[in-house]
């Protein structure tokens, strides 16, 4: 039986956000219990949890935009330029938008024709759609590890 590759990739996208992946670590569980003060607390020279979440979503939104027919637009220097979060309500709104964007991305991937995965992603230098979609998953796993470590440090300090 042949697997529907876009549907399998969409499952992997959802798994990094909501669970069921090979690592048994996911974004929703890892951000659970993180309040806005923890999310915005800077530890040494490391990024904040808020900055990492914004950064992860920044690239997801760029790839989503291309999947929706938009031009490829983005800048590494903008990828950490998040809006201010100054209350629990701001953090919850940020969270809500983050998961909404993730769901939209997974839905777009799931509905794409498989042959599109192997087409050029706007320019040869960026590779194909598969590479860019899979790159979002890899990128999120990488920063998820950082979030897990930051959360452990913040909970140990329990000053926030």
Foldseek 3Di string as FASTA:
>chain_A
DDDQVLLVLLVLLVCQAPNDDPVRHHNVVLCPPQAPVQQCDDDDPDDGVVQLLQLLQQLLVQLLCVLVVHDRDDDPVCSRVDDDDDHRVSVVVVVVVSVVSSNSSSVSSNPDHPVQQQDCSNDPVCGGSVVSSVVSSVSSVVSSVVSNVSVVVCVVVVPD
